[in-house]
mmCIF file of all heavy atoms, coordinates in Angstrom:
data_MODEL
# 
_entry.id   MODEL 
# 
loop_
_atom_site.group_PDB 
_atom_site.id 
_atom_site.type_symbol 
_atom_site.label_atom_id 
_atom_site.label_alt_id 
_atom_site.label_comp_id 
_atom_site.label_asym_id 
_atom_site.label_entity_id 
_atom_site.label_seq_id 
_atom_site.pdbx_PDB_ins_code 
_atom_site.Cartn_x 
_atom_site.Cartn_y 
_atom_site.Cartn_z 
_atom_site.occupancy 
_atom_site.B_iso_or_equiv 
_atom_site.pdbx_formal_charge 
_atom_site.auth_seq_id 
_atom_site.auth_comp_id 
_atom_site.auth_asym_id 
_atom_site.auth_atom_id 
_atom_site.pdbx_PDB_model_num 
ATOM 1   N N   . ASN A 1 1  ? 0.817  -1.175  -0.015  1.00 0.00 ? 1  ASN A N   1 
ATOM 2   C CA  . ASN A 1 1  ? 0.033  -0.059  -0.020  1.00 0.00 ? 1  ASN A CA  1 
ATOM 3   C C   . ASN A 1 1  ? 0.888  1.271   -0.018  1.00 0.00 ? 1  ASN A C   1 
ATOM 4   O O   . ASN A 1 1  ? 0.454  2.341   -0.564  1.00 0.00 ? 1  ASN A O   1 
ATOM 5   C CB  . ASN A 1 1  ? -0.938 -0.034  1.263   1.00 0.00 ? 1  ASN A CB  1 
ATOM 6   C CG  . ASN A 1 1  ? -2.232 -0.915  0.908   1.00 0.00 ? 1  ASN A CG  1 
ATOM 7   O OD1 . ASN A 1 1  ? -3.087 -0.441  0.074   1.00 0.00 ? 1  ASN A OD1 1 
ATOM 8   N ND2 . ASN A 1 1  ? -2.249 -1.981  1.541   1.00 0.00 ? 1  ASN A ND2 1 
ATOM 9   N N   . LEU A 1 2  ? 2.027  1.223   0.601   1.00 0.00 ? 2  LEU A N   1 
ATOM 10  C CA  . LEU A 1 2  ? 2.960  2.303   0.426   1.00 0.00 ? 2  LEU A CA  1 
ATOM 11  C C   . LEU A 1 2  ? 3.466  2.429   -0.999  1.00 0.00 ? 2  LEU A C   1 
ATOM 12  O O   . LEU A 1 2  ? 3.460  3.559   -1.580  1.00 0.00 ? 2  LEU A O   1 
ATOM 13  C CB  . LEU A 1 2  ? 4.203  2.072   1.361   1.00 0.00 ? 2  LEU A CB  1 
ATOM 14  C CG  . LEU A 1 2  ? 5.332  3.146   1.176   1.00 0.00 ? 2  LEU A CG  1 
ATOM 15  C CD1 . LEU A 1 2  ? 4.908  4.538   1.399   1.00 0.00 ? 2  LEU A CD1 1 
ATOM 16  C CD2 . LEU A 1 2  ? 6.509  2.703   2.091   1.00 0.00 ? 2  LEU A CD2 1 
ATOM 17  N N   . VAL A 1 3  ? 3.733  1.354   -1.598  1.00 0.00 ? 3  VAL A N   1 
ATOM 18  C CA  . VAL A 1 3  ? 4.192  1.312   -2.986  1.00 0.00 ? 3  VAL A CA  1 
ATOM 19  C C   . VAL A 1 3  ? 3.163  1.902   -3.927  1.00 0.00 ? 3  VAL A C   1 
ATOM 20  O O   . VAL A 1 3  ? 3.394  2.717   -4.805  1.00 0.00 ? 3  VAL A O   1 
ATOM 21  C CB  . VAL A 1 3  ? 4.618  -0.092  -3.456  1.00 0.00 ? 3  VAL A CB  1 
ATOM 22  C CG1 . VAL A 1 3  ? 4.893  -0.087  -4.935  1.00 0.00 ? 3  VAL A CG1 1 
ATOM 23  C CG2 . VAL A 1 3  ? 5.849  -0.558  -2.704  1.00 0.00 ? 3  VAL A CG2 1 
ATOM 24  N N   . ARG A 1 4  ? 1.832  1.486   -3.642  1.00 0.00 ? 4  ARG A N   1 
ATOM 25  C CA  . ARG A 1 4  ? 0.799  2.017   -4.388  1.00 0.00 ? 4  ARG A CA  1 
ATOM 26  C C   . ARG A 1 4  ? 0.635  3.533   -4.270  1.00 0.00 ? 4  ARG A C   1 
ATOM 27  O O   . ARG A 1 4  ? 0.313  4.294   -5.283  1.00 0.00 ? 4  ARG A O   1 
ATOM 28  C CB  . ARG A 1 4  ? -0.617 1.312   -3.980  1.00 0.00 ? 4  ARG A CB  1 
ATOM 29  C CG  . ARG A 1 4  ? -0.689 -0.146  -4.398  1.00 0.00 ? 4  ARG A CG  1 
ATOM 30  C CD  . ARG A 1 4  ? -1.941 -0.668  -3.805  1.00 0.00 ? 4  ARG A CD  1 
ATOM 31  N NE  . ARG A 1 4  ? -3.156 0.011   -4.322  1.00 0.00 ? 4  ARG A NE  1 
ATOM 32  C CZ  . ARG A 1 4  ? -4.369 -0.062  -3.765  1.00 0.00 ? 4  ARG A CZ  1 
ATOM 33  N NH1 . ARG A 1 4  ? -4.477 -0.861  -2.589  1.00 0.00 ? 4  ARG A NH1 1 
ATOM 34  N NH2 . ARG A 1 4  ? -5.427 0.569   -4.272  1.00 0.00 ? 4  ARG A NH2 1 
ATOM 35  N N   . THR A 1 5  ? 0.822  4.073   -3.055  1.00 0.00 ? 5  THR A N   1 
ATOM 36  C CA  . THR A 1 5  ? 0.800  5.450   -2.786  1.00 0.00 ? 5  THR A CA  1 
ATOM 37  C C   . THR A 1 5  ? 1.855  6.218   -3.567  1.00 0.00 ? 5  THR A C   1 
ATOM 38  O O   . THR A 1 5  ? 1.596  7.234   -4.216  1.00 0.00 ? 5  THR A O   1 
ATOM 39  C CB  . THR A 1 5  ? 0.896  5.719   -1.315  1.00 0.00 ? 5  THR A CB  1 
ATOM 40  O OG1 . THR A 1 5  ? -0.127 5.033   -0.635  1.00 0.00 ? 5  THR A OG1 1 
ATOM 41  C CG2 . THR A 1 5  ? 0.818  7.189   -1.019  1.00 0.00 ? 5  THR A CG2 1 
ATOM 42  N N   . LEU A 1 6  ? 3.106  5.713   -3.588  1.00 0.00 ? 6  LEU A N   1 
ATOM 43  C CA  . LEU A 1 6  ? 4.244  6.304   -4.355  1.00 0.00 ? 6  LEU A CA  1 
ATOM 44  C C   . LEU A 1 6  ? 3.874  6.300   -5.854  1.00 0.00 ? 6  LEU A C   1 
ATOM 45  O O   . LEU A 1 6  ? 4.116  7.269   -6.501  1.00 0.00 ? 6  LEU A O   1 
ATOM 46  C CB  . LEU A 1 6  ? 5.504  5.620   -3.984  1.00 0.00 ? 6  LEU A CB  1 
ATOM 47  C CG  . LEU A 1 6  ? 5.957  5.637   -2.532  1.00 0.00 ? 6  LEU A CG  1 
ATOM 48  C CD1 . LEU A 1 6  ? 7.288  4.856   -2.392  1.00 0.00 ? 6  LEU A CD1 1 
ATOM 49  C CD2 . LEU A 1 6  ? 6.084  7.055   -1.995  1.00 0.00 ? 6  LEU A CD2 1 
ATOM 50  N N   . ILE A 1 7  ? 3.375  5.263   -6.292  1.00 0.00 ? 7  ILE A N   1 
ATOM 51  C CA  . ILE A 1 7  ? 2.983  5.191   -7.744  1.00 0.00 ? 7  ILE A CA  1 
ATOM 52  C C   . ILE A 1 7  ? 1.908  6.142   -8.034  1.00 0.00 ? 7  ILE A C   1 
ATOM 53  O O   . ILE A 1 7  ? 1.915  6.768   -9.163  1.00 0.00 ? 7  ILE A O   1 
ATOM 54  C CB  . ILE A 1 7  ? 2.639  3.759   -8.147  1.00 0.00 ? 7  ILE A CB  1 
ATOM 55  C CG1 . ILE A 1 7  ? 3.835  2.758   -8.055  1.00 0.00 ? 7  ILE A CG1 1 
ATOM 56  C CG2 . ILE A 1 7  ? 2.029  3.677   -9.486  1.00 0.00 ? 7  ILE A CG2 1 
ATOM 57  C CD1 . ILE A 1 7  ? 3.556  1.351   -8.231  1.00 0.00 ? 7  ILE A CD1 1 
ATOM 58  N N   . ALA A 1 8  ? 0.903  6.258   -7.215  1.00 0.00 ? 8  ALA A N   1 
ATOM 59  C CA  . ALA A 1 8  ? -0.181 7.227   -7.403  1.00 0.00 ? 8  ALA A CA  1 
ATOM 60  C C   . ALA A 1 8  ? 0.367  8.613   -7.487  1.00 0.00 ? 8  ALA A C   1 
ATOM 61  O O   . ALA A 1 8  ? -0.191 9.447   -8.180  1.00 0.00 ? 8  ALA A O   1 
ATOM 62  C CB  . ALA A 1 8  ? -1.246 7.057   -6.317  1.00 0.00 ? 8  ALA A CB  1 
ATOM 63  N N   . GLY A 1 9  ? 1.460  8.864   -6.741  1.00 0.00 ? 9  GLY A N   1 
ATOM 64  C CA  . GLY A 1 9  ? 2.065  10.236  -6.818  1.00 0.00 ? 9  GLY A CA  1 
ATOM 65  C C   . GLY A 1 9  ? 2.925  10.453  -7.953  1.00 0.00 ? 9  GLY A C   1 
ATOM 66  O O   . GLY A 1 9  ? 3.508  11.544  -8.164  1.00 0.00 ? 9  GLY A O   1 
ATOM 67  N N   . GLY A 1 10 ? 3.101  9.368   -8.905  1.00 0.00 ? 10 GLY A N   1 
ATOM 68  C CA  . GLY A 1 10 ? 3.870  9.614   -10.121 1.00 0.00 ? 10 GLY A CA  1 
ATOM 69  C C   . GLY A 1 10 ? 5.221  8.957   -10.056 1.00 0.00 ? 10 GLY A C   1 
ATOM 70  O O   . GLY A 1 10 ? 5.933  9.041   -11.060 1.00 0.00 ? 10 GLY A O   1 
ATOM 71  N N   . ALA A 1 11 ? 5.650  8.303   -8.992  1.00 0.00 ? 11 ALA A N   1 
ATOM 72  C CA  . ALA A 1 11 ? 6.970  7.777   -8.894  1.00 0.00 ? 11 ALA A CA  1 
ATOM 73  C C   . ALA A 1 11 ? 7.126  6.509   -9.640  1.00 0.00 ? 11 ALA A C   1 
ATOM 74  O O   . ALA A 1 11 ? 6.231  5.652   -9.733  1.00 0.00 ? 11 ALA A O   1 
ATOM 75  C CB  . ALA A 1 11 ? 7.256  7.578   -7.393  1.00 0.00 ? 11 ALA A CB  1 
ATOM 76  N N   . GLU A 1 12 ? 8.266  6.285   -10.231 1.00 0.00 ? 12 GLU A N   1 
ATOM 77  C CA  . GLU A 1 12 ? 8.726  5.005   -10.797 1.00 0.00 ? 12 GLU A CA  1 
ATOM 78  C C   . GLU A 1 12 ? 9.318  4.233   -9.617  1.00 0.00 ? 12 GLU A C   1 
ATOM 79  O O   . GLU A 1 12 ? 10.403 4.529   -9.135  1.00 0.00 ? 12 GLU A O   1 
ATOM 80  C CB  . GLU A 1 12 ? 9.749  5.239   -11.977 1.00 0.00 ? 12 GLU A CB  1 
ATOM 81  C CG  . GLU A 1 12 ? 9.215  6.097   -13.018 1.00 0.00 ? 12 GLU A CG  1 
ATOM 82  C CD  . GLU A 1 12 ? 10.331 6.433   -14.026 1.00 0.00 ? 12 GLU A CD  1 
ATOM 83  O OE1 . GLU A 1 12 ? 11.466 5.800   -13.946 1.00 0.00 ? 12 GLU A OE1 1 
ATOM 84  O OE2 . GLU A 1 12 ? 10.154 7.319   -14.835 1.00 0.00 ? 12 GLU A OE2 1 
ATOM 85  N N   . THR A 1 13 ? 8.619  3.163   -9.129  1.00 0.00 ? 13 THR A N   1 
ATOM 86  C CA  . THR A 1 13 ? 8.934  2.573   -7.936  1.00 0.00 ? 13 THR A CA  1 
ATOM 87  C C   . THR A 1 13 ? 9.496  1.120   -8.067  1.00 0.00 ? 13 THR A C   1 
ATOM 88  O O   . THR A 1 13 ? 8.826  0.282   -8.821  1.00 0.00 ? 13 THR A O   1 
ATOM 89  C CB  . THR A 1 13 ? 7.726  2.533   -6.975  1.00 0.00 ? 13 THR A CB  1 
ATOM 90  O OG1 . THR A 1 13 ? 7.242  3.875   -6.871  1.00 0.00 ? 13 THR A OG1 1 
ATOM 91  C CG2 . THR A 1 13 ? 8.107  2.039   -5.597  1.00 0.00 ? 13 THR A CG2 1 
ATOM 92  N N   . ALA A 1 14 ? 10.629 0.773   -7.394  1.00 0.00 ? 14 ALA A N   1 
ATOM 93  C CA  . ALA A 1 14 ? 11.220 -0.575  -7.371  1.00 0.00 ? 14 ALA A CA  1 
ATOM 94  C C   . ALA A 1 14 ? 11.286 -0.991  -5.903  1.00 0.00 ? 14 ALA A C   1 
ATOM 95  O O   . ALA A 1 14 ? 11.601 -0.160  -5.064  1.00 0.00 ? 14 ALA A O   1 
ATOM 96  C CB  . ALA A 1 14 ? 12.545 -0.561  -8.069  1.00 0.00 ? 14 ALA A CB  1 
ATOM 97  N N   . LEU A 1 15 ? 11.112 -2.249  -5.721  1.00 0.00 ? 15 LEU A N   1 
ATOM 98  C CA  . LEU A 1 15 ? 11.172 -2.810  -4.387  1.00 0.00 ? 15 LEU A CA  1 
ATOM 99  C C   . LEU A 1 15 ? 11.958 -4.050  -4.250  1.00 0.00 ? 15 LEU A C   1 
ATOM 100 O O   . LEU A 1 15 ? 11.827 -4.922  -5.137  1.00 0.00 ? 15 LEU A O   1 
ATOM 101 C CB  . LEU A 1 15 ? 9.674  -2.994  -3.913  1.00 0.00 ? 15 LEU A CB  1 
ATOM 102 C CG  . LEU A 1 15 ? 9.451  -3.741  -2.620  1.00 0.00 ? 15 LEU A CG  1 
ATOM 103 C CD1 . LEU A 1 15 ? 9.860  -2.859  -1.370  1.00 0.00 ? 15 LEU A CD1 1 
ATOM 104 C CD2 . LEU A 1 15 ? 7.949  -4.172  -2.431  1.00 0.00 ? 15 LEU A CD2 1 
ATOM 105 N N   . CYS A 1 16 ? 12.791 -4.245  -3.290  1.00 0.00 ? 16 CYS A N   1 
ATOM 106 C CA  . CYS A 1 16 ? 13.392 -5.481  -2.902  1.00 0.00 ? 16 CYS A CA  1 
ATOM 107 C C   . CYS A 1 16 ? 13.116 -5.825  -1.445  1.00 0.00 ? 16 CYS A C   1 
ATOM 108 O O   . CYS A 1 16 ? 12.652 -4.911  -0.684  1.00 0.00 ? 16 CYS A O   1 
ATOM 109 C CB  . CYS A 1 16 ? 14.858 -5.581  -3.243  1.00 0.00 ? 16 CYS A CB  1 
ATOM 110 S SG  . CYS A 1 16 ? 15.916 -4.584  -2.187  1.00 0.00 ? 16 CYS A SG  1 
ATOM 111 N N   . ALA A 1 17 ? 13.488 -7.047  -1.042  1.00 0.00 ? 17 ALA A N   1 
ATOM 112 C CA  . ALA A 1 17 ? 13.099 -7.469  0.302   1.00 0.00 ? 17 ALA A CA  1 
ATOM 113 C C   . ALA A 1 17 ? 14.155 -7.167  1.398   1.00 0.00 ? 17 ALA A C   1 
ATOM 114 O O   . ALA A 1 17 ? 15.375 -7.450  1.134   1.00 0.00 ? 17 ALA A O   1 
ATOM 115 C CB  . ALA A 1 17 ? 12.822 -8.971  0.274   1.00 0.00 ? 17 ALA A CB  1 
ATOM 116 N N   . ALA A 1 18 ? 13.743 -6.584  2.488   1.00 0.00 ? 18 ALA A N   1 
ATOM 117 C CA  . ALA A 1 18 ? 14.690 -6.390  3.547   1.00 0.00 ? 18 ALA A CA  1 
ATOM 118 C C   . ALA A 1 18 ? 14.969 -7.644  4.396   1.00 0.00 ? 18 ALA A C   1 
ATOM 119 O O   . ALA A 1 18 ? 15.927 -7.715  5.103   1.00 0.00 ? 18 ALA A O   1 
ATOM 120 C CB  . ALA A 1 18 ? 14.233 -5.273  4.502   1.00 0.00 ? 18 ALA A CB  1 
ATOM 121 N N   . ASN A 1 19 ? 13.989 -8.609  4.320   1.00 0.00 ? 19 ASN A N   1 
ATOM 122 C CA  . ASN A 1 19 ? 14.134 -9.821  5.028   1.00 0.00 ? 19 ASN A CA  1 
ATOM 123 C C   . ASN A 1 19 ? 13.482 -10.950 4.251   1.00 0.00 ? 19 ASN A C   1 
ATOM 124 O O   . ASN A 1 19 ? 12.284 -10.925 3.890   1.00 0.00 ? 19 ASN A O   1 
ATOM 125 C CB  . ASN A 1 19 ? 13.528 -9.707  6.436   1.00 0.00 ? 19 ASN A CB  1 
ATOM 126 C CG  . ASN A 1 19 ? 13.689 -10.948 7.295   1.00 0.00 ? 19 ASN A CG  1 
ATOM 127 O OD1 . ASN A 1 19 ? 13.635 -12.093 6.879   1.00 0.00 ? 19 ASN A OD1 1 
ATOM 128 N ND2 . ASN A 1 19 ? 14.034 -10.686 8.609   1.00 0.00 ? 19 ASN A ND2 1 
ATOM 129 N N   . PRO A 1 20 ? 14.193 -11.997 3.814   1.00 0.00 ? 20 PRO A N   1 
ATOM 130 C CA  . PRO A 1 20 ? 13.632 -13.048 2.997   1.00 0.00 ? 20 PRO A CA  1 
ATOM 131 C C   . PRO A 1 20 ? 12.520 -13.805 3.624   1.00 0.00 ? 20 PRO A C   1 
ATOM 132 O O   . PRO A 1 20 ? 11.679 -14.397 2.930   1.00 0.00 ? 20 PRO A O   1 
ATOM 133 C CB  . PRO A 1 20 ? 14.840 -13.936 2.651   1.00 0.00 ? 20 PRO A CB  1 
ATOM 134 C CG  . PRO A 1 20 ? 15.895 -13.642 3.713   1.00 0.00 ? 20 PRO A CG  1 
ATOM 135 C CD  . PRO A 1 20 ? 15.679 -12.276 4.126   1.00 0.00 ? 20 PRO A CD  1 
ATOM 136 N N   . LEU A 1 21 ? 12.470 -13.851 4.983   1.00 0.00 ? 21 LEU A N   1 
ATOM 137 C CA  . LEU A 1 21 ? 11.391 -14.656 5.605   1.00 0.00 ? 21 LEU A CA  1 
ATOM 138 C C   . LEU A 1 21 ? 10.165 -13.888 5.822   1.00 0.00 ? 21 LEU A C   1 
ATOM 139 O O   . LEU A 1 21 ? 9.138  -14.464 6.223   1.00 0.00 ? 21 LEU A O   1 
ATOM 140 C CB  . LEU A 1 21 ? 11.944 -15.113 6.957   1.00 0.00 ? 21 LEU A CB  1 
ATOM 141 C CG  . LEU A 1 21 ? 13.110 -16.110 6.935   1.00 0.00 ? 21 LEU A CG  1 
ATOM 142 C CD1 . LEU A 1 21 ? 13.483 -16.587 8.359   1.00 0.00 ? 21 LEU A CD1 1 
ATOM 143 C CD2 . LEU A 1 21 ? 12.740 -17.335 6.118   1.00 0.00 ? 21 LEU A CD2 1 
ATOM 144 N N   . SER A 1 22 ? 10.178 -12.598 5.512   1.00 0.00 ? 22 SER A N   1 
ATOM 145 C CA  . SER A 1 22 ? 8.964  -11.818 5.656   1.00 0.00 ? 22 SER A CA  1 
ATOM 146 C C   . SER A 1 22 ? 8.293  -11.623 4.280   1.00 0.00 ? 22 SER A C   1 
ATOM 147 O O   . SER A 1 22 ? 7.184  -11.060 4.162   1.00 0.00 ? 22 SER A O   1 
ATOM 148 C CB  . SER A 1 22 ? 9.218  -10.456 6.279   1.00 0.00 ? 22 SER A CB  1 
ATOM 149 O OG  . SER A 1 22 ? 10.045 -9.641  5.500   1.00 0.00 ? 22 SER A OG  1 
ATOM 150 N N   . THR A 1 23 ? 8.947  -11.910 3.188   1.00 0.00 ? 23 THR A N   1 
ATOM 151 C CA  . THR A 1 23 ? 8.453  -11.684 1.839   1.00 0.00 ? 23 THR A CA  1 
ATOM 152 C C   . THR A 1 23 ? 7.156  -12.577 1.600   1.00 0.00 ? 23 THR A C   1 
ATOM 153 O O   . THR A 1 23 ? 7.138  -13.757 1.839   1.00 0.00 ? 23 THR A O   1 
ATOM 154 C CB  . THR A 1 23 ? 9.437  -12.082 0.740   1.00 0.00 ? 23 THR A CB  1 
ATOM 155 O OG1 . THR A 1 23 ? 10.545 -11.140 0.873   1.00 0.00 ? 23 THR A OG1 1 
ATOM 156 C CG2 . THR A 1 23 ? 8.904  -11.913 -0.617  1.00 0.00 ? 23 THR A CG2 1 
ATOM 157 N N   . ARG A 1 24 ? 6.088  -11.937 1.079   1.00 0.00 ? 24 ARG A N   1 
ATOM 158 C CA  . ARG A 1 24 ? 4.918  -12.629 0.629   1.00 0.00 ? 24 ARG A CA  1 
ATOM 159 C C   . ARG A 1 24 ? 4.986  -12.649 -0.970  1.00 0.00 ? 24 ARG A C   1 
ATOM 160 O O   . ARG A 1 24 ? 4.870  -11.690 -1.642  1.00 0.00 ? 24 ARG A O   1 
ATOM 161 C CB  . ARG A 1 24 ? 3.664  -11.868 1.054   1.00 0.00 ? 24 ARG A CB  1 
ATOM 162 C CG  . ARG A 1 24 ? 3.448  -11.620 2.519   1.00 0.00 ? 24 ARG A CG  1 
ATOM 163 C CD  . ARG A 1 24 ? 3.142  -12.874 3.237   1.00 0.00 ? 24 ARG A CD  1 
ATOM 164 N NE  . ARG A 1 24 ? 2.153  -13.676 2.506   1.00 0.00 ? 24 ARG A NE  1 
ATOM 165 C CZ  . ARG A 1 24 ? 1.507  -14.712 3.105   1.00 0.00 ? 24 ARG A CZ  1 
ATOM 166 N NH1 . ARG A 1 24 ? 1.815  -15.086 4.331   1.00 0.00 ? 24 ARG A NH1 1 
ATOM 167 N NH2 . ARG A 1 24 ? 0.626  -15.438 2.485   1.00 0.00 ? 24 ARG A NH2 1 
ATOM 168 N N   . ASP A 1 25 ? 5.221  -13.854 -1.444  1.00 0.00 ? 25 ASP A N   1 
ATOM 169 C CA  . ASP A 1 25 ? 5.336  -14.022 -2.841  1.00 0.00 ? 25 ASP A CA  1 
ATOM 170 C C   . ASP A 1 25 ? 4.049  -13.598 -3.618  1.00 0.00 ? 25 ASP A C   1 
ATOM 171 O O   . ASP A 1 25 ? 4.156  -13.051 -4.736  1.00 0.00 ? 25 ASP A O   1 
ATOM 172 C CB  . ASP A 1 25 ? 5.610  -15.492 -3.191  1.00 0.00 ? 25 ASP A CB  1 
ATOM 173 C CG  . ASP A 1 25 ? 7.081  -15.840 -2.840  1.00 0.00 ? 25 ASP A CG  1 
ATOM 174 O OD1 . ASP A 1 25 ? 7.907  -14.988 -2.896  1.00 0.00 ? 25 ASP A OD1 1 
ATOM 175 O OD2 . ASP A 1 25 ? 7.276  -17.020 -2.491  1.00 0.00 ? 25 ASP A OD2 1 
ATOM 176 N N   . ASP A 1 26 ? 2.906  -13.803 -2.955  1.00 0.00 ? 26 ASP A N   1 
ATOM 177 C CA  . ASP A 1 26 ? 1.607  -13.361 -3.590  1.00 0.00 ? 26 ASP A CA  1 
ATOM 178 C C   . ASP A 1 26 ? 1.566  -11.771 -3.738  1.00 0.00 ? 26 ASP A C   1 
ATOM 179 O O   . ASP A 1 26 ? 1.076  -11.307 -4.714  1.00 0.00 ? 26 ASP A O   1 
ATOM 180 C CB  . ASP A 1 26 ? 0.413  -13.913 -2.898  1.00 0.00 ? 26 ASP A CB  1 
ATOM 181 C CG  . ASP A 1 26 ? 0.419  -13.665 -1.387  1.00 0.00 ? 26 ASP A CG  1 
ATOM 182 O OD1 . ASP A 1 26 ? 1.350  -12.960 -0.864  1.00 0.00 ? 26 ASP A OD1 1 
ATOM 183 O OD2 . ASP A 1 26 ? -0.615 -14.024 -0.767  1.00 0.00 ? 26 ASP A OD2 1 
ATOM 184 N N   . VAL A 1 27 ? 2.108  -11.131 -2.731  1.00 0.00 ? 27 VAL A N   1 
ATOM 185 C CA  . VAL A 1 27 ? 2.059  -9.687  -2.761  1.00 0.00 ? 27 VAL A CA  1 
ATOM 186 C C   . VAL A 1 27 ? 3.056  -9.190  -3.831  1.00 0.00 ? 27 VAL A C   1 
ATOM 187 O O   . VAL A 1 27 ? 2.719  -8.266  -4.546  1.00 0.00 ? 27 VAL A O   1 
ATOM 188 C CB  . VAL A 1 27 ? 2.454  -9.084  -1.371  1.00 0.00 ? 27 VAL A CB  1 
ATOM 189 C CG1 . VAL A 1 27 ? 2.715  -7.546  -1.455  1.00 0.00 ? 27 VAL A CG1 1 
ATOM 190 C CG2 . VAL A 1 27 ? 1.298  -9.373  -0.414  1.00 0.00 ? 27 VAL A CG2 1 
ATOM 191 N N   . ALA A 1 28 ? 4.206  -9.779  -3.929  1.00 0.00 ? 28 ALA A N   1 
ATOM 192 C CA  . ALA A 1 28 ? 5.143  -9.400  -4.929  1.00 0.00 ? 28 ALA A CA  1 
ATOM 193 C C   . ALA A 1 28 ? 4.537  -9.561  -6.323  1.00 0.00 ? 28 ALA A C   1 
ATOM 194 O O   . ALA A 1 28 ? 4.687  -8.690  -7.203  1.00 0.00 ? 28 ALA A O   1 
ATOM 195 C CB  . ALA A 1 28 ? 6.445  -10.217 -4.813  1.00 0.00 ? 28 ALA A CB  1 
# 
């Protein structure tokens, strides 16, 4: 939802994981 907010503001947004055990593959 943060990424969606940045995109809504016009940003070109890229994301990587800070912790591999918290990553939700479905969200990615």
